[in-house]
Amino acid sequence: MIPITLRMGAFGPYAKEETIDFSYFQDSGLFLIYGPTGAGKSAILDGMTYALYGKSSGGVRGDFSSMRCQYAAERQPTFLELTFSHR
């Protein structure tokens, strides 16, 4: 599986809609997700895992509603959309 884009809304620490474009790294075949503690690295991996399997990475963060951003506006929907290629 090769991730292309990940769209998240009100998920983890991301209060608004965010899109990560992994296609920028497609030619290198390898990328690193890094940043300080609390920057949202695990939320990116959890977002990808939820989109694929319906649970967080490791399955220890609870259900989807527990991953909703507490700072998101009440009307902001919580969602994930992962676009990827396979084979």
PDB file of N, CA and C in Angstrom:
ATOM      1  N   MET A   1       0.837  -1.168   0.000  1.00  0.00           N
ATOM      2  CA  MET A   1       0.000   0.000   0.000  1.00  0.00           C
ATOM      3  C   MET A   1       0.887   1.238   0.000  1.00  0.00           C
ATOM      4  N   ILE A   2       0.561   2.185  -0.863  1.00  0.00           N
ATOM      5  CA  ILE A   2       1.286   3.450  -0.926  1.00  0.00           C
ATOM      6  C   ILE A   2       0.288   4.569  -0.646  1.00  0.00           C
ATOM      7  N   PRO A   3       0.441   5.281   0.488  1.00  0.00           N
ATOM      8  CA  PRO A   3      -0.496   6.371   0.776  1.00  0.00           C
ATOM      9  C   PRO A   3      -0.302   7.518  -0.213  1.00  0.00           C
ATOM     10  N   ILE A   4      -1.420   8.095  -0.654  1.00  0.00           N
ATOM     11  CA  ILE A   4      -1.374   9.243  -1.566  1.00  0.00           C
ATOM     12  C   ILE A   4      -1.809  10.507  -0.828  1.00  0.00           C
ATOM     13  N   THR A   5      -3.000  10.483  -0.226  1.00  0.00           N
ATOM     14  CA  THR A   5      -3.448  11.600   0.603  1.00  0.00           C
ATOM     15  C   THR A   5      -4.204  11.076   1.815  1.00  0.00           C
ATOM     16  N   LEU A   6      -4.147  11.851   2.879  1.00  0.00           N
ATOM     17  CA  LEU A   6      -4.938  11.582   4.078  1.00  0.00           C
ATOM     18  C   LEU A   6      -5.634  12.880   4.443  1.00  0.00           C
ATOM     19  N   ARG A   7      -6.970  12.863   4.408  1.00  0.00           N
ATOM     20  CA  ARG A   7      -7.775  14.006   4.836  1.00  0.00           C
ATOM     21  C   ARG A   7      -8.362  13.679   6.193  1.00  0.00           C
ATOM     22  N   MET A   8      -8.241  14.622   7.115  1.00  0.00           N
ATOM     23  CA  MET A   8      -8.767  14.442   8.469  1.00  0.00           C
ATOM     24  C   MET A   8      -9.543  15.683   8.855  1.00  0.00           C
ATOM     25  N   GLY A   9     -10.631  15.504   9.554  1.00  0.00           N
ATOM     26  CA  GLY A   9     -11.408  16.619  10.074  1.00  0.00           C
ATOM     27  C   GLY A   9     -11.759  16.366  11.519  1.00  0.00           C
ATOM     28  N   ALA A  10     -11.405  17.307  12.395  1.00  0.00           N
ATOM     29  CA  ALA A  10     -11.709  17.208  13.830  1.00  0.00           C
ATOM     30  C   ALA A  10     -11.213  15.889  14.409  1.00  0.00           C
ATOM     31  N   PHE A  11     -10.063  15.458  13.976  1.00  0.00           N
ATOM     32  CA  PHE A  11      -9.518  14.166  14.396  1.00  0.00           C
ATOM     33  C   PHE A  11      -8.207  14.375  15.145  1.00  0.00           C
ATOM     34  N   GLY A  12      -8.076  13.724  16.306  1.00  0.00           N
ATOM     35  CA  GLY A  12      -6.859  13.860  17.105  1.00  0.00           C
ATOM     36  C   GLY A  12      -6.628  15.324  17.476  1.00  0.00           C
ATOM     37  N   PRO A  13      -5.427  15.847  17.265  1.00  0.00           N
ATOM     38  CA  PRO A  13      -5.164  17.248  17.604  1.00  0.00           C
ATOM     39  C   PRO A  13      -5.581  18.227  16.498  1.00  0.00           C
ATOM     40  N   TYR A  14      -6.110  17.715  15.391  1.00  0.00           N
ATOM     41  CA  TYR A  14      -6.435  18.550  14.236  1.00  0.00           C
ATOM     42  C   TYR A  14      -7.881  19.022  14.311  1.00  0.00           C
ATOM     43  N   ALA A  15      -8.100  20.272  14.756  1.00  0.00           N
ATOM     44  CA  ALA A  15      -9.452  20.802  14.971  1.00  0.00           C
ATOM     45  C   ALA A  15     -10.179  21.062  13.663  1.00  0.00           C
ATOM     46  N   LYS A  16      -9.454  21.484  12.644  1.00  0.00           N
ATOM     47  CA  LYS A  16     -10.067  21.776  11.349  1.00  0.00           C
ATOM     48  C   LYS A  16      -9.692  20.682  10.361  1.00  0.00           C
ATOM     49  N   GLU A  17     -10.142  20.837   9.131  1.00  0.00           N
ATOM     50  CA  GLU A  17      -9.789  19.865   8.103  1.00  0.00           C
ATOM     51  C   GLU A  17      -8.333  20.045   7.698  1.00  0.00           C
ATOM     52  N   GLU A  18      -7.598  18.954   7.651  1.00  0.00           N
ATOM     53  CA  GLU A  18      -6.193  18.944   7.243  1.00  0.00           C
ATOM     54  C   GLU A  18      -6.012  17.872   6.174  1.00  0.00           C
ATOM     55  N   THR A  19      -5.159  18.140   5.209  1.00  0.00           N
ATOM     56  CA  THR A  19      -4.836  17.161   4.177  1.00  0.00           C
ATOM     57  C   THR A  19      -3.328  16.986   4.121  1.00  0.00           C
ATOM     58  N   ILE A  20      -2.882  15.753   4.184  1.00  0.00           N
ATOM     59  CA  ILE A  20      -1.469  15.428   4.039  1.00  0.00           C
ATOM     60  C   ILE A  20      -1.296  14.794   2.668  1.00  0.00           C
ATOM     61  N   ASP A  21      -0.435  15.382   1.862  1.00  0.00           N
ATOM     62  CA  ASP A  21      -0.189  14.899   0.510  1.00  0.00           C
ATOM     63  C   ASP A  21       1.103  14.084   0.497  1.00  0.00           C
ATOM     64  N   PHE A  22       0.952  12.765   0.526  1.00  0.00           N
ATOM     65  CA  PHE A  22       2.109  11.867   0.533  1.00  0.00           C
ATOM     66  C   PHE A  22       2.704  11.685  -0.858  1.00  0.00           C
ATOM     67  N   SER A  23       1.996  12.127  -1.897  1.00  0.00           N
ATOM     68  CA  SER A  23       2.499  11.932  -3.257  1.00  0.00           C
ATOM     69  C   SER A  23       3.818  12.668  -3.487  1.00  0.00           C
ATOM     70  N   TYR A  24       4.085  13.681  -2.692  1.00  0.00           N
ATOM     71  CA  TYR A  24       5.352  14.411  -2.766  1.00  0.00           C
ATOM     72  C   TYR A  24       6.542  13.468  -2.567  1.00  0.00           C
ATOM     73  N   PHE A  25       6.340  12.421  -1.772  1.00  0.00           N
ATOM     74  CA  PHE A  25       7.410  11.483  -1.434  1.00  0.00           C
ATOM     75  C   PHE A  25       7.423  10.232  -2.297  1.00  0.00           C
ATOM     76  N   GLN A  26       6.537  10.153  -3.265  1.00  0.00           N
ATOM     77  CA  GLN A  26       6.351   8.938  -4.055  1.00  0.00           C
ATOM     78  C   GLN A  26       7.634   8.471  -4.747  1.00  0.00           C
ATOM     79  N   ASP A  27       8.422   9.379  -5.279  1.00  0.00           N
ATOM     80  CA  ASP A  27       9.624   8.990  -6.007  1.00  0.00           C
ATOM     81  C   ASP A  27      10.721   8.435  -5.102  1.00  0.00           C
ATOM     82  N   SER A  28      10.764   8.904  -3.845  1.00  0.00           N
ATOM     83  CA  SER A  28      11.818   8.445  -2.945  1.00  0.00           C
ATOM     84  C   SER A  28      11.507   7.071  -2.354  1.00  0.00           C
ATOM     85  N   GLY A  29      10.225   6.719  -2.243  1.00  0.00           N
ATOM     86  CA  GLY A  29       9.840   5.419  -1.721  1.00  0.00           C
ATOM     87  C   GLY A  29       9.909   5.315  -0.208  1.00  0.00           C
ATOM     88  N   LEU A  30      10.361   6.377   0.453  1.00  0.00           N
ATOM     89  CA  LEU A  30      10.518   6.347   1.904  1.00  0.00           C
ATOM     90  C   LEU A  30      10.265   7.743   2.447  1.00  0.00           C
ATOM     91  N   PHE A  31       9.584   7.834   3.583  1.00  0.00           N
ATOM     92  CA  PHE A  31       9.400   9.126   4.230  1.00  0.00           C
ATOM     93  C   PHE A  31       9.379   8.924   5.732  1.00  0.00           C
ATOM     94  N   LEU A  32       9.613   9.996   6.459  1.00  0.00           N
ATOM     95  CA  LEU A  32       9.698   9.973   7.910  1.00  0.00           C
ATOM     96  C   LEU A  32       8.683  10.945   8.473  1.00  0.00           C
ATOM     97  N   ILE A  33       7.914  10.516   9.446  1.00  0.00           N
ATOM     98  CA  ILE A  33       7.001  11.402  10.155  1.00  0.00           C
ATOM     99  C   ILE A  33       7.682  11.733  11.473  1.00  0.00           C
ATOM    100  N   TYR A  34       8.024  13.009  11.654  1.00  0.00           N
ATOM    101  CA  TYR A  34       8.724  13.389  12.877  1.00  0.00           C
ATOM    102  C   TYR A  34       8.209  14.733  13.378  1.00  0.00           C
ATOM    103  N   GLY A  35       8.503  15.031  14.625  1.00  0.00           N
ATOM    104  CA  GLY A  35       8.120  16.295  15.241  1.00  0.00           C
ATOM    105  C   GLY A  35       8.171  16.151  16.748  1.00  0.00           C
ATOM    106  N   PRO A  36       7.958  17.251  17.452  1.00  0.00           N
ATOM    107  CA  PRO A  36       8.008  17.209  18.913  1.00  0.00           C
ATOM    108  C   PRO A  36       6.832  16.422  19.504  1.00  0.00           C
ATOM    109  N   THR A  37       6.951  16.072  20.749  1.00  0.00           N
ATOM    110  CA  THR A  37       5.891  15.378  21.462  1.00  0.00           C
ATOM    111  C   THR A  37       4.616  16.215  21.401  1.00  0.00           C
ATOM    112  N   GLY A  38       3.514  15.574  21.054  1.00  0.00           N
ATOM    113  CA  GLY A  38       2.228  16.252  20.983  1.00  0.00           C
ATOM    114  C   GLY A  38       1.940  16.929  19.660  1.00  0.00           C
ATOM    115  N   ALA A  39       2.808  16.747  18.667  1.00  0.00           N
ATOM    116  CA  ALA A  39       2.630  17.415  17.374  1.00  0.00           C
ATOM    117  C   ALA A  39       1.589  16.737  16.492  1.00  0.00           C
ATOM    118  N   GLY A  40       1.200  15.496  16.790  1.00  0.00           N
ATOM    119  CA  GLY A  40       0.178  14.809  16.013  1.00  0.00           C
ATOM    120  C   GLY A  40       0.695  13.671  15.150  1.00  0.00           C
ATOM    121  N   LYS A  41       1.914  13.202  15.410  1.00  0.00           N
ATOM    122  CA  LYS A  41       2.486  12.099  14.613  1.00  0.00           C
ATOM    123  C   LYS A  41       1.649  10.832  14.755  1.00  0.00           C
ATOM    124  N   SER A  42       1.331  10.467  15.960  1.00  0.00           N
ATOM    125  CA  SER A  42       0.532   9.251  16.178  1.00  0.00           C
ATOM    126  C   SER A  42      -0.863   9.393  15.604  1.00  0.00           C
ATOM    127  N   ALA A  43      -1.402  10.618  15.611  1.00  0.00           N
ATOM    128  CA  ALA A  43      -2.737  10.840  15.048  1.00  0.00           C
ATOM    129  C   ALA A  43      -2.743  10.571  13.545  1.00  0.00           C
ATOM    130  N   ILE A  44      -1.645  10.875  12.867  1.00  0.00           N
ATOM    131  CA  ILE A  44      -1.547  10.577  11.434  1.00  0.00           C
ATOM    132  C   ILE A  44      -1.610   9.074  11.218  1.00  0.00           C
ATOM    133  N   LEU A  45      -0.847   8.332  12.000  1.00  0.00           N
ATOM    134  CA  LEU A  45      -0.854   6.869  11.884  1.00  0.00           C
ATOM    135  C   LEU A  45      -2.201   6.295  12.309  1.00  0.00           C
ATOM    136  N   ASP A  46      -2.787   6.854  13.386  1.00  0.00           N
ATOM    137  CA  ASP A  46      -4.113   6.407  13.806  1.00  0.00           C
ATOM    138  C   ASP A  46      -5.150   6.699  12.725  1.00  0.00           C
ATOM    139  N   GLY A  47      -5.038   7.839  12.074  1.00  0.00           N
ATOM    140  CA  GLY A  47      -5.965   8.188  11.000  1.00  0.00           C
ATOM    141  C   GLY A  47      -5.892   7.200   9.857  1.00  0.00           C
ATOM    142  N   MET A  48      -4.682   6.846   9.468  1.00  0.00           N
ATOM    143  CA  MET A  48      -4.507   5.870   8.395  1.00  0.00           C
ATOM    144  C   MET A  48      -5.071   4.507   8.820  1.00  0.00           C
ATOM    145  N   THR A  49      -4.805   4.113  10.047  1.00  0.00           N
ATOM    146  CA  THR A  49      -5.272   2.822  10.549  1.00  0.00           C
ATOM    147  C   THR A  49      -6.796   2.796  10.673  1.00  0.00           C
ATOM    148  N   TYR A  50      -7.393   3.882  11.208  1.00  0.00           N
ATOM    149  CA  TYR A  50      -8.852   3.952  11.287  1.00  0.00           C
ATOM    150  C   TYR A  50      -9.479   3.871   9.903  1.00  0.00           C
ATOM    151  N   ALA A  51      -8.894   4.598   8.953  1.00  0.00           N
ATOM    152  CA  ALA A  51      -9.453   4.589   7.599  1.00  0.00           C
ATOM    153  C   ALA A  51      -9.422   3.186   6.985  1.00  0.00           C
ATOM    154  N   LEU A  52      -8.391   2.434   7.282  1.00  0.00           N
ATOM    155  CA  LEU A  52      -8.249   1.095   6.707  1.00  0.00           C
ATOM    156  C   LEU A  52      -8.982   0.006   7.491  1.00  0.00           C
ATOM    157  N   TYR A  53      -8.894   0.070   8.831  1.00  0.00           N
ATOM    158  CA  TYR A  53      -9.354  -1.057   9.653  1.00  0.00           C
ATOM    159  C   TYR A  53     -10.455  -0.738  10.652  1.00  0.00           C
ATOM    160  N   GLY A  54     -10.792   0.544  10.818  1.00  0.00           N
ATOM    161  CA  GLY A  54     -11.842   0.904  11.761  1.00  0.00           C
ATOM    162  C   GLY A  54     -11.425   0.910  13.207  1.00  0.00           C
ATOM    163  N   LYS A  55     -10.122   0.941  13.487  1.00  0.00           N
ATOM    164  CA  LYS A  55      -9.631   1.061  14.867  1.00  0.00           C
ATOM    165  C   LYS A  55      -8.262   1.737  14.847  1.00  0.00           C
ATOM    166  N   SER A  56      -7.860   2.231  16.017  1.00  0.00           N
ATOM    167  CA  SER A  56      -6.588   2.944  16.104  1.00  0.00           C
ATOM    168  C   SER A  56      -5.411   1.984  16.017  1.00  0.00           C
ATOM    169  N   SER A  57      -4.243   2.543  15.727  1.00  0.00           N
ATOM    170  CA  SER A  57      -3.042   1.704  15.685  1.00  0.00           C
ATOM    171  C   SER A  57      -2.814   1.138  17.084  1.00  0.00           C
ATOM    172  N   GLY A  58      -2.635  -0.135  17.169  1.00  0.00           N
ATOM    173  CA  GLY A  58      -2.504  -0.807  18.461  1.00  0.00           C
ATOM    174  C   GLY A  58      -3.837  -1.080  19.123  1.00  0.00           C
ATOM    175  N   GLY A  59      -4.912  -0.426  18.658  1.00  0.00           N
ATOM    176  CA  GLY A  59      -6.248  -0.659  19.194  1.00  0.00           C
ATOM    177  C   GLY A  59      -6.454  -0.213  20.625  1.00  0.00           C
ATOM    178  N   VAL A  60      -5.576   0.662  21.154  1.00  0.00           N
ATOM    179  CA  VAL A  60      -5.657   1.035  22.561  1.00  0.00           C
ATOM    180  C   VAL A  60      -6.223   2.430  22.795  1.00  0.00           C
ATOM    181  N   ARG A  61      -6.547   3.176  21.756  1.00  0.00           N
ATOM    182  CA  ARG A  61      -7.025   4.547  21.935  1.00  0.00           C
ATOM    183  C   ARG A  61      -8.548   4.647  21.996  1.00  0.00           C
ATOM    184  N   GLY A  62      -9.221   3.545  21.976  1.00  0.00           N
ATOM    185  CA  GLY A  62     -10.672   3.552  22.074  1.00  0.00           C
ATOM    186  C   GLY A  62     -11.357   3.642  20.730  1.00  0.00           C
ATOM    187  N   ASP A  63     -12.648   3.967  20.773  1.00  0.00           N
ATOM    188  CA  ASP A  63     -13.419   4.015  19.536  1.00  0.00           C
ATOM    189  C   ASP A  63     -13.204   5.348  18.807  1.00  0.00           C
ATOM    190  N   PHE A  64     -13.842   5.470  17.646  1.00  0.00           N
ATOM    191  CA  PHE A  64     -13.658   6.634  16.790  1.00  0.00           C
ATOM    192  C   PHE A  64     -14.022   7.931  17.503  1.00  0.00           C
ATOM    193  N   SER A  65     -15.109   7.916  18.263  1.00  0.00           N
ATOM    194  CA  SER A  65     -15.558   9.141  18.950  1.00  0.00           C
ATOM    195  C   SER A  65     -14.542   9.630  19.972  1.00  0.00           C
ATOM    196  N   SER A  66     -13.752   8.743  20.540  1.00  0.00           N
ATOM    197  CA  SER A  66     -12.742   9.159  21.515  1.00  0.00           C
ATOM    198  C   SER A  66     -11.556   9.852  20.855  1.00  0.00           C
ATOM    199  N   MET A  67     -11.448   9.741  19.532  1.00  0.00           N
ATOM    200  CA  MET A  67     -10.358  10.401  18.804  1.00  0.00           C
ATOM    201  C   MET A  67     -10.773  11.771  18.275  1.00  0.00           C
ATOM    202  N   ARG A  68     -12.003  12.189  18.530  1.00  0.00           N
ATOM    203  CA  ARG A  68     -12.459  13.511  18.081  1.00  0.00           C
ATOM    204  C   ARG A  68     -11.682  14.605  18.812  1.00  0.00           C
ATOM    205  N   CYS A  69     -11.310  15.638  18.076  1.00  0.00           N
ATOM    206  CA  CYS A  69     -10.574  16.763  18.639  1.00  0.00           C
ATOM    207  C   CYS A  69     -11.470  17.544  19.592  1.00  0.00           C
ATOM    208  N   GLN A  70     -11.014  17.735  20.809  1.00  0.00           N
ATOM    209  CA  GLN A  70     -11.816  18.449  21.802  1.00  0.00           C
ATOM    210  C   GLN A  70     -11.911  19.948  21.510  1.00  0.00           C
ATOM    211  N   TYR A  71     -11.060  20.462  20.620  1.00  0.00           N
ATOM    212  CA  TYR A  71     -11.059  21.884  20.266  1.00  0.00           C
ATOM    213  C   TYR A  71     -11.840  22.171  18.979  1.00  0.00           C
ATOM    214  N   ALA A  72     -12.381  21.155  18.369  1.00  0.00           N
ATOM    215  CA  ALA A  72     -13.127  21.334  17.116  1.00  0.00           C
ATOM    216  C   ALA A  72     -14.478  21.996  17.389  1.00  0.00           C
ATOM    217  N   ALA A  73     -14.916  22.795  16.423  1.00  0.00           N
ATOM    218  CA  ALA A  73     -16.240  23.399  16.525  1.00  0.00           C
ATOM    219  C   ALA A  73     -17.294  22.296  16.568  1.00  0.00           C
ATOM    220  N   GLU A  74     -18.376  22.552  17.280  1.00  0.00           N
ATOM    221  CA  GLU A  74     -19.409  21.538  17.458  1.00  0.00           C
ATOM    222  C   GLU A  74     -19.961  21.022  16.136  1.00  0.00           C
ATOM    223  N   ARG A  75     -20.054  21.886  15.138  1.00  0.00           N
ATOM    224  CA  ARG A  75     -20.608  21.493  13.838  1.00  0.00           C
ATOM    225  C   ARG A  75     -19.567  20.882  12.896  1.00  0.00           C
ATOM    226  N   GLN A  76     -18.311  20.920  13.275  1.00  0.00           N
ATOM    227  CA  GLN A  76     -17.248  20.339  12.440  1.00  0.00           C
ATOM    228  C   GLN A  76     -17.355  18.814  12.510  1.00  0.00           C
ATOM    229  N   PRO A  77     -17.600  18.160  11.377  1.00  0.00           N
ATOM    230  CA  PRO A  77     -17.702  16.690  11.416  1.00  0.00           C
ATOM    231  C   PRO A  77     -16.330  16.043  11.614  1.00  0.00           C
ATOM    232  N   THR A  78     -16.316  14.939  12.301  1.00  0.00           N
ATOM    233  CA  THR A  78     -15.101  14.150  12.455  1.00  0.00           C
ATOM    234  C   THR A  78     -15.083  13.133  11.320  1.00  0.00           C
ATOM    235  N   PHE A  79     -14.018  13.148  10.527  1.00  0.00           N
ATOM    236  CA  PHE A  79     -13.946  12.221   9.410  1.00  0.00           C
ATOM    237  C   PHE A  79     -12.497  11.938   9.038  1.00  0.00           C
ATOM    238  N   LEU A  80     -12.327  10.853   8.308  1.00  0.00           N
ATOM    239  CA  LEU A  80     -11.038  10.450   7.741  1.00  0.00           C
ATOM    240  C   LEU A  80     -11.275   9.992   6.314  1.00  0.00           C
ATOM    241  N   GLU A  81     -10.319  10.328   5.450  1.00  0.00           N
ATOM    242  CA  GLU A  81     -10.393   9.843   4.069  1.00  0.00           C
ATOM    243  C   GLU A  81      -8.965   9.553   3.613  1.00  0.00           C
ATOM    244  N   LEU A  82      -8.680   8.310   3.368  1.00  0.00           N
ATOM    245  CA  LEU A  82      -7.352   7.881   2.942  1.00  0.00           C
ATOM    246  C   LEU A  82      -7.426   7.436   1.479  1.00  0.00           C
ATOM    247  N   THR A  83      -6.591   8.040   0.662  1.00  0.00           N
ATOM    248  CA  THR A  83      -6.453   7.625  -0.726  1.00  0.00           C
ATOM    249  C   THR A  83      -5.090   6.948  -0.845  1.00  0.00           C
ATOM    250  N   PHE A  84      -5.088   5.746  -1.429  1.00  0.00           N
ATOM    251  CA  PHE A  84      -3.834   5.002  -1.538  1.00  0.00           C
ATOM    252  C   PHE A  84      -3.837   4.170  -2.802  1.00  0.00           C
ATOM    253  N   SER A  85      -2.662   3.723  -3.171  1.00  0.00           N
ATOM    254  CA  SER A  85      -2.570   2.804  -4.297  1.00  0.00           C
ATOM    255  C   SER A  85      -2.071   1.457  -3.790  1.00  0.00           C
ATOM    256  N   HIS A  86      -2.461   0.425  -4.496  1.00  0.00           N
ATOM    257  CA  HIS A  86      -2.073  -0.926  -4.136  1.00  0.00           C
ATOM    258  C   HIS A  86      -1.711  -1.686  -5.416  1.00  0.00           C
ATOM    259  N   ARG A  87      -0.542  -2.215  -5.445  1.00  0.00           N
ATOM    260  CA  ARG A  87      -0.029  -2.928  -6.596  1.00  0.00           C
ATOM    261  C   ARG A  87      -0.006  -2.041  -7.805  1.00  0.00           C
TER     262      ARG A  87
END
